Amino acid sequence: MSRFAVSGWTRRALVVLVSFSILVPSLVLPVAHAQQTATLQGVILDPSGRPAPGFKVVYKDVVSGTEYTSATSTAAGEYSLQVPIGSRYQLVNAVAPDGTRLPIQAGAPLPVRAGGVYRRDVQFQLAGGAQVVEQKPPAPEAAPPTPPPPTVTAAKTPPPAKPGPVTKPAPASQARTGAKKPWWKTTGGVIGIILGAGAIAAAAAGGGGGGGGTSSPSNP
């Protein structure tokens, strides 16, 4: 009697172990796959070639349509963001510090097949032949000349000195014209171009070549 009881208990234990061994991989594998990401990074330059701090870039997954926005660029104009591997990402636009979205003349989508670092630099150019003009505030008006001292004579009392003209403050409209205009607000607009014709610098972790390396440039 006890032999049959032990045998039944053993069978139940085996069923539980088999079920657990099947269930655990199905739970662990999706989590491990979701944690595999790659880094997209680069530098953002203004039309004069200087770093553009305070900007963000937006990449779009061309397969799912999901957009990924980077953190604010540093003082050196560098940006960085994490994206899931196994897809292609298109650099679509940049976001200025005031929230203005600036279009980017993007090259070919960036294939991200393995973990690592993929680089794309962006420089903005002025559209329509516009030029960046740094407006300076108007110079203050010159003070009126000091009247000469009156001539003192024994016979005549000198006339009182006439007051000089009163300097009036510049009108508010004139003061506003001297404000510096951001380059991304320039007439004609700006458009970003990808430097290096969409070249990729990828250090794939565990790639087919045995460790990291630089992949071949992709033609836009």
Protein backbone atom coordinates (compact mmCIF):
# COMPACT_ATOMS: atom_id res chain seq x y z
CA MET A 1 0.00 0.00 0.00
CA SER A 2 2.75 2.41 0.91
CA ARG A 3 4.63 1.42 -2.24
CA PHE A 4 1.71 2.60 -4.41
CA ALA A 5 1.44 5.83 -2.39
CA VAL A 6 5.12 6.63 -2.88
CA SER A 7 4.87 5.81 -6.56
CA GLY A 8 1.94 8.20 -6.99
CA TRP A 9 3.75 10.97 -5.16
CA THR A 10 6.82 10.43 -7.34
CA ARG A 11 4.76 10.71 -10.50
CA ARG A 12 3.22 13.96 -9.35
CA ALA A 13 6.65 15.39 -8.51
CA LEU A 14 7.96 14.47 -11.96
CA VAL A 15 5.01 16.18 -13.64
CA VAL A 16 5.66 19.37 -11.66
CA LEU A 17 9.38 19.36 -12.52
CA VAL A 18 8.75 18.83 -16.22
CA SER A 19 6.18 21.62 -16.32
CA PHE A 20 8.55 23.98 -14.51
CA SER A 21 11.43 23.18 -16.88
CA ILE A 22 9.22 24.05 -19.86
CA LEU A 23 7.79 27.24 -18.35
CA VAL A 24 11.00 28.87 -17.08
CA PRO A 25 12.78 29.23 -20.46
CA SER A 26 9.66 30.73 -22.01
CA LEU A 27 9.69 33.43 -19.33
CA VAL A 28 13.41 34.11 -19.26
CA LEU A 29 14.12 34.30 -23.00
CA PRO A 30 11.78 37.25 -23.79
CA VAL A 31 13.19 39.23 -20.87
CA ALA A 32 16.77 38.58 -21.96
CA HIS A 33 15.95 39.56 -25.54
CA ALA A 34 14.23 42.79 -24.45
CA GLN A 35 17.33 43.84 -22.55
CA GLN A 36 19.58 43.73 -25.64
CA THR A 37 20.08 47.29 -26.86
CA ALA A 38 22.55 49.32 -28.89
CA THR A 39 23.75 52.90 -28.54
CA LEU A 40 23.17 55.54 -31.22
CA GLN A 41 25.36 58.58 -30.77
CA GLY A 42 26.95 61.48 -32.62
CA VAL A 43 27.50 65.23 -32.56
CA ILE A 44 25.18 68.06 -33.63
CA LEU A 45 26.73 71.11 -35.32
CA ASP A 46 25.17 74.48 -36.14
CA PRO A 47 25.48 76.10 -39.61
CA SER A 48 28.85 77.61 -38.68
CA GLY A 49 30.27 74.21 -37.67
CA ARG A 50 30.21 74.82 -33.93
CA PRO A 51 28.68 72.34 -31.43
CA ALA A 52 24.96 72.84 -30.83
CA PRO A 53 24.15 72.18 -27.15
CA GLY A 54 20.62 71.75 -25.83
CA PHE A 55 19.30 69.83 -28.86
CA LYS A 56 17.67 66.42 -29.16
CA VAL A 57 17.51 64.06 -32.14
CA VAL A 58 14.65 61.74 -33.06
CA TYR A 59 15.16 58.29 -34.62
CA LYS A 60 12.28 56.30 -36.06
CA ASP A 61 12.07 52.51 -36.23
CA VAL A 62 11.18 51.98 -39.90
CA VAL A 63 9.62 48.59 -39.10
CA SER A 64 7.36 49.42 -36.15
CA GLY A 65 7.11 53.21 -36.58
CA THR A 66 8.19 53.80 -32.97
CA GLU A 67 10.16 57.01 -32.37
CA TYR A 68 13.08 57.28 -29.96
CA THR A 69 14.27 60.68 -28.70
CA SER A 70 17.76 61.25 -27.35
CA ALA A 71 18.68 63.14 -24.22
CA THR A 72 19.67 66.81 -24.54
CA SER A 73 23.00 67.29 -26.32
CA THR A 74 25.96 68.31 -24.19
CA ALA A 75 28.04 71.47 -24.39
CA ALA A 76 30.15 69.66 -27.00
CA GLY A 77 27.01 68.94 -29.06
CA GLU A 78 27.10 65.20 -28.34
CA TYR A 79 23.89 63.15 -28.15
CA SER A 80 23.23 59.53 -27.21
CA LEU A 81 20.27 57.17 -26.91
CA GLN A 82 19.52 53.47 -26.50
CA VAL A 83 17.45 51.48 -29.03
CA PRO A 84 16.48 47.78 -29.26
CA ILE A 85 18.59 45.69 -31.62
CA GLY A 86 17.24 43.84 -34.63
CA SER A 87 15.73 46.74 -36.58
CA ARG A 88 16.58 49.76 -38.77
CA TYR A 89 16.43 53.35 -37.54
CA GLN A 90 15.92 56.53 -39.56
CA LEU A 91 17.16 59.89 -38.24
CA VAL A 92 14.12 62.06 -38.96
CA ASN A 93 14.51 65.41 -37.17
CA ALA A 94 16.06 67.36 -34.33
CA VAL A 95 14.39 69.35 -31.57
CA ALA A 96 15.78 72.82 -30.78
CA PRO A 97 16.00 74.10 -27.19
CA ASP A 98 12.72 76.01 -27.64
CA GLY A 99 10.91 72.91 -28.96
CA THR A 100 11.15 73.76 -32.67
CA ARG A 101 11.41 70.62 -34.82
CA LEU A 102 14.06 70.90 -37.53
CA PRO A 103 13.94 68.48 -40.48
CA ILE A 104 16.93 66.34 -41.34
CA GLN A 105 17.79 65.26 -44.86
CA ALA A 106 18.35 61.69 -43.80
CA GLY A 107 20.37 59.05 -45.60
CA ALA A 108 19.65 55.34 -45.58
CA PRO A 109 18.17 53.83 -42.40
CA LEU A 110 20.74 52.65 -39.90
CA PRO A 111 20.67 48.83 -39.49
CA VAL A 112 21.19 47.81 -35.87
CA ARG A 113 21.67 44.04 -35.78
CA ALA A 114 23.83 43.67 -32.67
CA GLY A 115 24.75 45.51 -29.53
CA GLY A 116 27.43 48.16 -29.82
CA VAL A 117 27.86 51.83 -30.73
CA TYR A 118 26.51 53.28 -33.98
CA ARG A 119 27.48 56.84 -34.85
CA ARG A 120 25.82 59.51 -36.96
CA ASP A 121 26.83 63.17 -36.90
CA VAL A 122 24.51 65.97 -38.01
CA GLN A 123 25.26 69.49 -39.22
CA PHE A 124 22.60 72.06 -40.04
CA GLN A 125 22.65 74.20 -43.16
CA LEU A 126 20.58 77.25 -43.96
CA ALA A 127 17.90 76.66 -46.57
CA GLY A 128 17.18 79.12 -49.38
CA GLY A 129 20.59 80.79 -49.25
CA ALA A 130 19.82 82.57 -45.98
CA GLN A 131 22.65 83.82 -43.82
CA VAL A 132 23.02 83.98 -40.09
CA VAL A 133 23.36 87.63 -39.10
CA GLU A 134 24.14 88.40 -35.50
CA GLN A 135 22.21 91.56 -34.72
CA LYS A 136 23.77 93.94 -32.24
CA PRO A 137 21.84 96.34 -30.01
CA PRO A 138 21.85 99.98 -31.19
CA ALA A 139 24.62 102.17 -29.83
CA PRO A 140 23.51 104.66 -27.18
CA GLU A 141 23.08 108.23 -28.31
CA ALA A 142 26.01 110.53 -27.62
CA ALA A 143 25.63 112.85 -24.67
CA PRO A 144 25.18 116.54 -25.56
CA PRO A 145 28.34 118.65 -25.34
CA THR A 146 28.91 120.49 -22.10
CA PRO A 147 28.19 124.21 -22.56
CA PRO A 148 31.22 126.45 -22.07
CA PRO A 149 31.46 128.28 -18.76
CA PRO A 150 30.00 131.79 -18.80
CA THR A 151 32.38 134.71 -19.17
CA VAL A 152 32.55 136.76 -15.99
CA THR A 153 33.02 140.50 -16.40
CA ALA A 154 32.90 143.26 -13.90
CA ALA A 155 30.29 145.19 -15.86
CA LYS A 156 27.81 142.49 -16.84
CA THR A 157 26.19 139.63 -15.06
CA PRO A 158 26.60 136.47 -17.15
CA PRO A 159 23.37 134.98 -18.46
CA PRO A 160 22.32 131.66 -16.97
CA ALA A 161 23.57 128.62 -18.84
CA LYS A 162 20.97 126.95 -21.01
CA PRO A 163 20.20 123.33 -20.14
CA GLY A 164 21.29 120.79 -22.73
CA PRO A 165 18.81 118.65 -24.66
CA VAL A 166 17.22 115.79 -22.76
CA THR A 167 18.18 112.35 -24.08
CA LYS A 168 15.05 110.25 -24.64
CA PRO A 169 15.14 106.47 -24.22
CA ALA A 170 14.93 104.43 -27.41
CA PRO A 171 11.41 103.22 -28.23
CA ALA A 172 10.53 99.67 -27.29
CA SER A 173 10.18 98.67 -30.96
CA GLN A 174 13.74 99.80 -31.64
CA ALA A 175 15.05 97.90 -28.62
CA ARG A 176 13.38 94.69 -29.80
CA THR A 177 15.09 94.83 -33.19
CA GLY A 178 18.45 94.52 -31.49
CA ALA A 179 17.67 91.14 -29.87
CA LYS A 180 19.78 88.23 -31.06
CA LYS A 181 17.77 85.83 -33.19
CA PRO A 182 18.43 82.07 -32.88
CA TRP A 183 19.93 80.60 -36.03
CA TRP A 184 17.14 78.04 -36.33
CA LYS A 185 14.66 80.95 -36.59
CA THR A 186 16.44 82.39 -39.64
CA THR A 187 14.29 83.30 -42.63
CA GLY A 188 14.30 80.44 -45.12
CA GLY A 189 14.64 77.82 -42.41
CA VAL A 190 17.37 75.28 -41.80
CA ILE A 191 17.80 71.64 -42.68
CA GLY A 192 20.11 69.06 -41.17
CA ILE A 193 22.45 66.89 -43.22
CA ILE A 194 24.13 63.68 -42.13
CA LEU A 195 27.90 63.94 -42.22
CA GLY A 196 29.92 61.10 -43.69
CA ALA A 197 27.12 60.00 -46.04
CA GLY A 198 25.54 57.87 -43.36
CA ALA A 199 28.70 56.03 -42.31
CA ILE A 200 28.37 53.73 -39.32
CA ALA A 201 30.96 53.18 -36.61
CA ALA A 202 29.70 50.06 -34.84
CA ALA A 203 31.45 48.08 -32.13
CA ALA A 204 29.21 45.03 -32.08
CA ALA A 205 29.41 42.97 -28.92
CA GLY A 206 29.57 39.28 -29.82
CA GLY A 207 29.31 39.97 -33.57
CA GLY A 208 30.17 37.57 -36.33
CA GLY A 209 33.75 38.83 -36.60
CA GLY A 210 34.66 37.84 -33.09
CA GLY A 211 34.30 40.89 -30.90
CA GLY A 212 33.78 44.52 -31.88
CA GLY A 213 34.93 46.34 -34.94
CA THR A 214 34.04 48.94 -37.51
CA SER A 215 31.43 47.94 -40.04
CA SER A 216 31.45 48.92 -43.68
CA PRO A 217 29.86 52.30 -44.46
CA SER A 218 26.31 52.11 -45.73
CA ASN A 219 25.47 54.09 -48.83
CA PRO A 220 22.44 56.36 -48.43
